[in-house]
Amino acid sequence: MKLVESESLARLAERNHGVLATIHSERGVDAVPVVFSVDDGFVAVPIDRVKPKSSSKLQRERNLEADPRATLLIDHWDPDDWSQLWWVRVELRWETDVDDDVAVRLADRLSKRFAQYSDKPFHRLLVFRVLNVSGWAGKGE
């Protein structure tokens, strides 16, 4: 069953992790698991100082510099009851010039959702504007 936009957005807001897909110039789709926060038509993915990294300039950010389009996919899987399956796909555009209030709200949401982010250990946030959201569920709403 196709999900209506409001239901897709509600499921997105309930979740805190998914798969972010950007476009690599040679490999094509470049998908990585991420945590995120949502606020009023924006999604933020943190570049943090918590997890080890070889650089704070991650490949996903280099991909976005070349092409600002991205997709975030979240889903629910139940191997025993396929009527419980669902997914939501969010089409995004990376925004490099975001209002400070939006960035602060998104960072606050991350800090409240994850104990590891309580002191906001972010190099920066990748902030995206939501362009479109769609979804599907194994059973009607």
Protein backbone atom coordinates (compact mmCIF):
# COMPACT_ATOMS: atom_id res chain seq x y z
CA MET A 1 0.00 0.00 0.00
CA LYS A 2 1.36 3.37 -0.96
CA LEU A 3 1.74 5.64 2.08
CA VAL A 4 0.30 9.13 1.97
CA GLU A 5 2.84 11.92 2.43
CA SER A 6 1.77 12.73 6.00
CA GLU A 7 2.22 9.08 7.06
CA SER A 8 5.62 8.89 5.34
CA LEU A 9 6.74 12.05 7.14
CA ALA A 10 5.46 10.73 10.48
CA ARG A 11 7.44 7.50 10.06
CA LEU A 12 10.52 9.53 9.10
CA ALA A 13 10.22 11.68 12.23
CA GLU A 14 9.91 8.56 14.44
CA ARG A 15 13.15 7.05 13.16
CA ASN A 16 16.70 8.10 13.90
CA HIS A 17 18.80 6.13 11.43
CA GLY A 18 18.69 5.08 7.82
CA VAL A 19 20.77 4.80 4.68
CA LEU A 20 21.94 7.97 2.95
CA ALA A 21 22.69 7.62 -0.74
CA THR A 22 24.76 10.19 -2.61
CA ILE A 23 26.32 10.00 -6.08
CA HIS A 24 30.00 9.14 -6.45
CA SER A 25 31.48 10.35 -9.75
CA GLU A 26 32.97 6.94 -10.60
CA ARG A 27 31.07 4.31 -8.58
CA GLY A 28 27.60 5.76 -8.93
CA VAL A 29 25.34 5.30 -5.92
CA ASP A 30 27.30 5.61 -2.67
CA ALA A 31 25.16 4.42 0.25
CA VAL A 32 26.12 4.64 3.94
CA PRO A 33 24.22 4.15 7.21
CA VAL A 34 23.63 7.41 9.08
CA VAL A 35 21.80 8.89 12.02
CA PHE A 36 19.69 11.97 11.37
CA SER A 37 17.29 14.50 12.77
CA VAL A 38 14.24 16.09 11.13
CA ASP A 39 12.74 19.54 11.58
CA ASP A 40 10.24 21.47 9.44
CA GLY A 41 11.24 20.28 5.98
CA PHE A 42 14.92 19.74 6.76
CA VAL A 43 17.01 16.68 7.57
CA ALA A 44 20.44 16.87 9.23
CA VAL A 45 23.16 14.24 9.16
CA PRO A 46 26.03 14.93 11.57
CA ILE A 47 29.72 14.75 10.84
CA ASP A 48 30.82 14.02 14.39
CA ARG A 49 33.95 13.65 16.49
CA VAL A 50 32.58 10.59 18.33
CA LYS A 51 33.29 7.76 15.88
CA PRO A 52 36.80 7.21 14.45
CA LYS A 53 37.39 8.59 10.96
CA SER A 54 40.41 8.94 8.71
CA SER A 55 39.29 12.54 7.97
CA SER A 56 36.47 14.87 8.95
CA LYS A 57 35.85 15.46 5.23
CA LEU A 58 33.91 12.31 4.41
CA GLN A 59 33.27 10.90 0.94
CA ARG A 60 29.56 11.68 1.22
CA GLU A 61 30.41 15.36 1.58
CA ARG A 62 32.76 15.28 -1.42
CA ASN A 63 29.97 13.58 -3.38
CA LEU A 64 27.52 16.32 -2.38
CA GLU A 65 29.94 19.04 -3.44
CA ALA A 66 29.81 17.56 -6.96
CA ASP A 67 26.07 16.81 -6.92
CA PRO A 68 23.84 18.09 -4.07
CA ARG A 69 21.16 15.42 -4.57
CA ALA A 70 20.74 12.65 -1.99
CA THR A 71 18.22 10.07 -0.90
CA LEU A 72 17.51 8.85 2.62
CA LEU A 73 15.90 5.43 2.98
CA ILE A 74 14.40 4.14 6.20
CA ASP A 75 12.57 0.88 6.64
CA HIS A 76 11.07 -1.62 9.00
CA TRP A 77 11.58 -5.36 8.55
CA ASP A 78 9.75 -8.20 10.24
CA PRO A 79 10.84 -11.63 8.96
CA ASP A 80 7.79 -13.35 10.45
CA ASP A 81 5.01 -10.92 9.56
CA TRP A 82 5.42 -9.33 6.16
CA SER A 83 2.28 -7.26 6.69
CA GLN A 84 4.48 -5.18 9.05
CA LEU A 85 7.05 -4.32 6.34
CA TRP A 86 7.37 -0.69 5.31
CA TRP A 87 9.82 1.79 3.83
CA VAL A 88 10.07 5.54 3.35
CA ARG A 89 12.26 7.22 0.74
CA VAL A 90 13.14 10.90 1.12
CA GLU A 91 14.53 12.84 -1.82
CA LEU A 92 16.88 15.54 -0.54
CA ARG A 93 18.99 18.47 -1.69
CA TRP A 94 22.07 19.48 0.31
CA GLU A 95 21.83 23.09 1.51
CA THR A 96 25.12 24.88 2.14
CA ASP A 97 23.55 28.13 3.35
CA VAL A 98 21.05 27.23 6.07
CA ASP A 99 19.52 29.61 8.59
CA ASP A 100 21.30 29.31 11.96
CA ASP A 101 17.99 28.70 13.76
CA VAL A 102 17.31 25.63 11.60
CA ALA A 103 20.80 24.23 12.23
CA VAL A 104 20.50 24.81 15.98
CA ARG A 105 17.12 23.03 16.14
CA LEU A 106 18.48 20.06 14.18
CA ALA A 107 21.60 19.85 16.38
CA ASP A 108 19.42 20.07 19.51
CA ARG A 109 17.29 17.18 18.28
CA LEU A 110 20.39 15.06 17.71
CA SER A 111 21.75 15.90 21.17
CA LYS A 112 18.47 14.89 22.82
CA ARG A 113 18.12 11.69 20.82
CA PHE A 114 21.63 10.29 21.26
CA ALA A 115 23.55 10.36 24.56
CA GLN A 116 26.78 10.34 22.56
CA TYR A 117 25.78 13.71 21.08
CA SER A 118 24.69 15.37 24.35
CA ASP A 119 27.53 17.91 24.14
CA LYS A 120 27.10 18.34 20.34
CA PRO A 121 30.49 16.96 19.24
CA PHE A 122 29.92 17.90 15.61
CA HIS A 123 32.48 19.01 13.08
CA ARG A 124 29.40 20.17 11.19
CA LEU A 125 25.93 19.10 10.12
CA LEU A 126 25.03 18.20 6.57
CA VAL A 127 21.64 19.86 6.23
CA PHE A 128 19.26 18.84 3.48
CA ARG A 129 15.97 20.27 2.27
CA VAL A 130 13.26 17.64 1.84
CA LEU A 131 12.11 17.72 -1.79
CA ASN A 132 9.83 14.72 -1.85
CA VAL A 133 8.83 11.83 0.39
CA SER A 134 7.22 8.56 -0.59
CA GLY A 135 6.59 5.27 1.11
CA TRP A 136 5.05 1.85 1.05
CA ALA A 137 3.63 -0.43 3.74
CA GLY A 138 2.66 -4.08 3.77
CA LYS A 139 -0.77 -3.21 5.11
CA GLY A 140 -3.02 -0.16 5.00
CA GLU A 141 -2.94 2.55 7.63
